[in-house]
Structure formats: C-alpha cells, structure tokens
Amino acid sequence: METHHRIGPIELAPSIEPKHGWSFLTIAFFSISMITFVSIGQAYILNQ
C-alpha cells in the first residue's frame, strides 16, 4: 500500500516526498524574490 504525503491541503503524488515539495516551494520563493529585485534594481542603477 502506497502512502500519499501531504503538504497542507495539497496531496502529493505517490513518488513525491514532502522534502521535494518543500524544496520546490523554497526555490520558487527565492526565485520570485530575486527576479523582482533584479528588475527593480536595474531601473534604479541605470538611472544613477
């Protein structure tokens, strides 16, 4: 019997472990933060 892991309300596929989901969410958070910083920072730096 395969166990289905969960991250909050999200049910993961049988082969996906919670650490995979948390790694994905962490990388997604930092990627979005970095892209936002680069786009705002570029406009600020080029105007100086």
Protein backbone atom coordinates (compact mmCIF):
# COMPACT_ATOMS: atom_id res chain seq x y z
CA MET A 1 0.00 0.00 0.00
CA GLU A 2 1.44 3.32 -1.09
CA THR A 3 1.17 6.29 1.20
CA HIS A 4 0.21 9.68 -0.14
CA HIS A 5 2.07 12.52 1.51
CA ARG A 6 0.55 15.94 2.03
CA ILE A 7 1.80 19.49 2.34
CA GLY A 8 -1.11 21.30 3.92
CA PRO A 9 -4.15 20.83 1.67
CA ILE A 10 -2.01 19.63 -1.27
CA GLU A 11 -1.84 15.86 -1.77
CA LEU A 12 1.40 14.80 -3.42
CA ALA A 13 1.86 12.02 -5.97
CA PRO A 14 2.93 8.65 -4.52
CA SER A 15 6.57 9.02 -5.61
CA ILE A 16 6.94 12.59 -4.29
CA GLU A 17 8.11 13.10 -0.72
CA PRO A 18 7.39 16.20 1.38
CA LYS A 19 11.04 17.28 1.21
CA HIS A 20 10.70 17.54 -2.59
CA GLY A 21 7.67 19.80 -2.23
CA TRP A 22 9.29 22.00 0.41
CA SER A 23 12.44 22.30 -1.71
CA PHE A 24 10.36 23.39 -4.70
CA LEU A 25 8.43 25.96 -2.66
CA THR A 26 11.64 27.37 -1.15
CA ILE A 27 13.36 27.72 -4.53
CA ALA A 28 10.21 29.27 -6.04
CA PHE A 29 10.05 31.85 -3.24
CA PHE A 30 13.69 32.90 -3.64
CA SER A 31 13.49 32.89 -7.45
CA ILE A 32 10.50 35.23 -7.46
CA SER A 33 12.20 37.47 -4.90
CA MET A 34 15.41 37.60 -6.94
CA ILE A 35 13.63 38.36 -10.22
CA THR A 36 11.70 41.18 -8.55
CA PHE A 37 14.88 42.62 -7.01
CA VAL A 38 16.78 42.47 -10.31
CA SER A 39 14.03 44.20 -12.29
CA ILE A 40 13.58 46.99 -9.71
CA GLY A 41 17.32 47.29 -9.04
CA GLN A 42 18.19 47.55 -12.72
CA ALA A 43 15.93 50.56 -13.21
CA TYR A 44 17.38 52.21 -10.09
CA ILE A 45 21.02 51.56 -11.01
CA LEU A 46 20.70 52.66 -14.64
CA ASN A 47 19.15 55.99 -13.59
CA GLN A 48 22.08 56.92 -11.33
